[in-house]
C-alpha atoms as a PDB file:
ATOM      1  CA  GLN A   1      92.696  25.788 -38.571  1.00  0.00           C
ATOM      2  CA  VAL A   2      90.143  26.401 -36.479  1.00  0.00           C
ATOM      3  CA  GLN A   3      86.754  28.985 -37.445  1.00  0.00           C
ATOM      4  CA  LEU A   4      84.843  30.892 -34.884  1.00  0.00           C
ATOM      5  CA  VAL A   5      81.327  32.251 -35.146  1.00  0.00           C
ATOM      6  CA  GLU A   6      79.542  34.130 -32.400  1.00  0.00           C
ATOM      7  CA  SER A   7      76.295  34.850 -31.213  1.00  0.00           C
ATOM      8  CA  GLY A   8      73.806  36.166 -28.740  1.00  0.00           C
ATOM      9  CA  GLY A   9      74.485  40.025 -29.334  1.00  0.00           C
ATOM     10  CA  GLY A  10      71.833  42.353 -28.931  1.00  0.00           C
ATOM     11  CA  LEU A  11      69.837  45.012 -27.591  1.00  0.00           C
ATOM     12  CA  VAL A  12      69.371  45.396 -23.336  1.00  0.00           C
ATOM     13  CA  ARG A  13      69.080  47.365 -20.589  1.00  0.00           C
ATOM     14  CA  ALA A  14      70.983  48.743 -18.225  1.00  0.00           C
ATOM     15  CA  GLY A  15      70.978  45.718 -15.306  1.00  0.00           C
ATOM     16  CA  ASP A  16      70.178  43.244 -17.726  1.00  0.00           C
ATOM     17  CA  SER A  17      71.809  40.078 -18.328  1.00  0.00           C
ATOM     18  CA  LEU A  18      73.469  38.614 -21.390  1.00  0.00           C
ATOM     19  CA  ARG A  19      75.211  35.755 -22.651  1.00  0.00           C
ATOM     20  CA  LEU A  20      77.281  35.441 -25.670  1.00  0.00           C
ATOM     21  CA  SER A  21      78.051  31.643 -28.005  1.00  0.00           C
ATOM     22  CA  CYS A  22      81.158  30.752 -29.304  1.00  0.00           C
ATOM     23  CA  VAL A  23      80.708  28.080 -32.090  1.00  0.00           C
ATOM     24  CA  ALA A  24      84.101  27.053 -33.157  1.00  0.00           C
ATOM     25  CA  SER A  25      84.305  24.614 -36.213  1.00  0.00           C
ATOM     26  CA  GLY A  26      87.562  22.851 -38.220  1.00  0.00           C
ATOM     27  CA  ARG A  27      89.536  21.994 -35.430  1.00  0.00           C
ATOM     28  CA  ALA A  28      87.848  21.047 -31.850  1.00  0.00           C
ATOM     29  CA  ILE A  29      88.190  23.791 -29.641  1.00  0.00           C
ATOM     30  CA  ALA A  30      89.860  20.931 -27.077  1.00  0.00           C
ATOM     31  CA  TYR A  31      93.677  22.206 -28.173  1.00  0.00           C
ATOM     32  CA  TYR A  32      93.180  26.290 -27.743  1.00  0.00           C
ATOM     33  CA  VAL A  33      92.880  28.616 -24.730  1.00  0.00           C
ATOM     34  CA  MET A  34      89.633  31.047 -26.000  1.00  0.00           C
ATOM     35  CA  GLY A  35      89.089  34.340 -25.143  1.00  0.00           C
ATOM     36  CA  TRP A  36      87.067  37.386 -25.778  1.00  0.00           C
ATOM     37  CA  PHE A  37      87.741  40.445 -26.298  1.00  0.00           C
ATOM     38  CA  ARG A  38      85.449  43.971 -27.097  1.00  0.00           C
ATOM     39  CA  GLN A  39      85.491  46.805 -29.494  1.00  0.00           C
ATOM     40  CA  ALA A  40      83.824  50.453 -29.159  1.00  0.00           C
ATOM     41  CA  PRO A  41      83.345  52.506 -31.874  1.00  0.00           C
ATOM     42  CA  GLY A  42      86.423  54.882 -32.005  1.00  0.00           C
ATOM     43  CA  LYS A  43      88.180  53.006 -29.407  1.00  0.00           C
ATOM     44  CA  GLU A  44      91.037  50.083 -29.056  1.00  0.00           C
ATOM     45  CA  ARG A  45      90.035  46.489 -28.703  1.00  0.00           C
ATOM     46  CA  GLU A  46      89.580  45.357 -25.404  1.00  0.00           C
ATOM     47  CA  PHE A  47      90.785  41.869 -23.489  1.00  0.00           C
ATOM     48  CA  VAL A  48      87.556  40.812 -21.849  1.00  0.00           C
ATOM     49  CA  GLY A  49      89.188  37.855 -20.473  1.00  0.00           C
ATOM     50  CA  ALA A  50      90.350  33.776 -21.806  1.00  0.00           C
ATOM     51  CA  VAL A  51      89.555  30.211 -20.324  1.00  0.00           C
ATOM     52  CA  SER A  52      92.435  28.070 -20.082  1.00  0.00           C
ATOM     53  CA  ARG A  53      91.477  24.439 -22.686  1.00  0.00           C
ATOM     54  CA  SER A  54      90.438  22.250 -19.314  1.00  0.00           C
ATOM     55  CA  GLY A  55      87.820  25.349 -18.445  1.00  0.00           C
ATOM     56  CA  GLY A  56      89.609  24.866 -14.789  1.00  0.00           C
ATOM     57  CA  SER A  57      91.067  28.806 -14.670  1.00  0.00           C
ATOM     58  CA  THR A  58      89.934  31.843 -16.014  1.00  0.00           C
ATOM     59  CA  ARG A  59      90.922  34.993 -16.080  1.00  0.00           C
ATOM     60  CA  TYR A  60      89.006  39.123 -16.607  1.00  0.00           C
ATOM     61  CA  THR A  61      90.054  42.040 -17.624  1.00  0.00           C
ATOM     62  CA  GLU A  62      89.455  44.303 -13.939  1.00  0.00           C
ATOM     63  CA  SER A  63      86.006  46.003 -15.791  1.00  0.00           C
ATOM     64  CA  ALA A  64      84.402  42.405 -16.381  1.00  0.00           C
ATOM     65  CA  LYS A  65      85.374  40.653 -12.658  1.00  0.00           C
ATOM     66  CA  GLY A  66      82.188  39.648 -10.815  1.00  0.00           C
ATOM     67  CA  ARG A  67      79.952  40.994 -13.619  1.00  0.00           C
ATOM     68  CA  PHE A  68      81.090  38.437 -16.317  1.00  0.00           C
ATOM     69  CA  THR A  69      82.118  34.884 -16.766  1.00  0.00           C
ATOM     70  CA  ILE A  70      83.221  32.885 -18.959  1.00  0.00           C
ATOM     71  CA  SER A  71      83.204  28.697 -19.725  1.00  0.00           C
ATOM     72  CA  ARG A  72      83.388  26.424 -22.196  1.00  0.00           C
ATOM     73  CA  ASP A  73      81.445  22.530 -23.782  1.00  0.00           C
ATOM     74  CA  ASN A  74      84.427  21.278 -25.804  1.00  0.00           C
ATOM     75  CA  ALA A  75      81.980  18.399 -26.388  1.00  0.00           C
ATOM     76  CA  LYS A  76      79.946  20.482 -28.258  1.00  0.00           C
ATOM     77  CA  ASN A  77      83.006  23.464 -29.400  1.00  0.00           C
ATOM     78  CA  MET A  78      81.353  26.247 -27.983  1.00  0.00           C
ATOM     79  CA  VAL A  79      82.726  28.767 -25.486  1.00  0.00           C
ATOM     80  CA  TYR A  80      80.348  31.372 -23.755  1.00  0.00           C
ATOM     81  CA  LEU A  81      80.444  34.666 -22.549  1.00  0.00           C
ATOM     82  CA  HIS A  82      78.132  35.277 -19.752  1.00  0.00           C
ATOM     83  CA  MET A  83      77.240  38.896 -18.875  1.00  0.00           C
ATOM     84  CA  SER A  84      75.123  40.195 -15.940  1.00  0.00           C
ATOM     85  CA  SER A  85      74.649  43.900 -14.176  1.00  0.00           C
ATOM     86  CA  LEU A  86      75.393  45.283 -17.816  1.00  0.00           C
ATOM     87  CA  LYS A  87      76.494  49.256 -17.975  1.00  0.00           C
ATOM     88  CA  PRO A  88      76.499  51.763 -21.212  1.00  0.00           C
ATOM     89  CA  GLU A  89      80.106  51.344 -21.422  1.00  0.00           C
ATOM     90  CA  ASP A  90      80.262  47.435 -22.143  1.00  0.00           C
ATOM     91  CA  THR A  91      78.458  48.386 -25.489  1.00  0.00           C
ATOM     92  CA  ALA A  92      80.627  47.217 -27.617  1.00  0.00           C
ATOM     93  CA  VAL A  93      81.128  44.393 -30.584  1.00  0.00           C
ATOM     94  CA  TYR A  94      82.691  41.410 -29.429  1.00  0.00           C
ATOM     95  CA  TYR A  95      84.608  39.024 -31.110  1.00  0.00           C
ATOM     96  CA  CYS A  96      85.700  35.305 -29.092  1.00  0.00           C
ATOM     97  CA  ALA A  97      89.537  34.304 -30.363  1.00  0.00           C
ATOM     98  CA  ALA A  98      91.444  31.311 -30.339  1.00  0.00           C
ATOM     99  CA  SER A  99      94.616  30.422 -28.702  1.00  0.00           C
ATOM    100  CA  SER A 100      97.770  28.104 -28.915  1.00  0.00           C
ATOM    101  CA  ASP A 101      99.156  29.644 -26.598  1.00  0.00           C
ATOM    102  CA  ARG A 102      99.619  28.025 -22.781  1.00  0.00           C
ATOM    103  CA  TYR A 103      97.589  29.497 -20.157  1.00  0.00           C
ATOM    104  CA  ARG A 104      99.008  32.506 -18.210  1.00  0.00           C
ATOM    105  CA  ASP A 105      97.243  34.119 -14.999  1.00  0.00           C
ATOM    106  CA  ASN A 106      98.752  37.362 -15.949  1.00  0.00           C
ATOM    107  CA  THR A 107      99.844  37.704 -19.793  1.00  0.00           C
ATOM    108  CA  VAL A 108      96.887  37.933 -22.399  1.00  0.00           C
ATOM    109  CA  PRO A 109      98.320  35.222 -24.990  1.00  0.00           C
ATOM    110  CA  VAL A 110      98.462  35.541 -28.724  1.00  0.00           C
ATOM    111  CA  PHE A 111      95.254  35.235 -30.705  1.00  0.00           C
ATOM    112  CA  GLY A 112      95.490  33.968 -33.690  1.00  0.00           C
ATOM    113  CA  TYR A 113      92.092  32.823 -34.845  1.00  0.00           C
ATOM    114  CA  TRP A 114      88.971  35.139 -34.671  1.00  0.00           C
ATOM    115  CA  GLY A 115      85.112  35.533 -35.091  1.00  0.00           C
ATOM    116  CA  GLN A 116      82.993  37.971 -36.991  1.00  0.00           C
ATOM    117  CA  GLY A 117      82.097  39.989 -33.775  1.00  0.00           C
ATOM    118  CA  THR A 118      78.391  40.469 -32.796  1.00  0.00           C
ATOM    119  CA  GLN A 119      76.922  43.474 -31.390  1.00  0.00           C
ATOM    120  CA  VAL A 120      76.175  44.769 -27.795  1.00  0.00           C
ATOM    121  CA  THR A 121      73.800  47.368 -27.115  1.00  0.00           C
ATOM    122  CA  VAL A 122      73.528  48.546 -22.987  1.00  0.00           C
ATOM    123  CA  SER A 123      70.536  51.655 -22.966  1.00  0.00           C
ATOM    124  CA  SER A 124      70.878  53.364 -20.176  1.00  0.00           C
END
């Protein structure tokens, strides 16, 4: 089974950029569709985006489109979430996750493996 650890969170100002990283161990991430989720205090967990196994396809929730970019480096067992034009509404704990399902453009797959999360706080 795969284990995931996120890093890169912190306190930033509105309009800033930030890159989150997720490193996998136990199994190569090339076996998985990789995704990012976030959860703000008192709110439900929200899907942010996902990247296919080869890195050739990505999808994002509407609030992330044009601002966030997911990429992966399978040789390094790493997946990244590049965030720009950050807003206070982006404040949340961000989680990376792995799915054994097929990548689909219009359906969020089942993610069975999760990291511990990293806090992103955007001040106004």
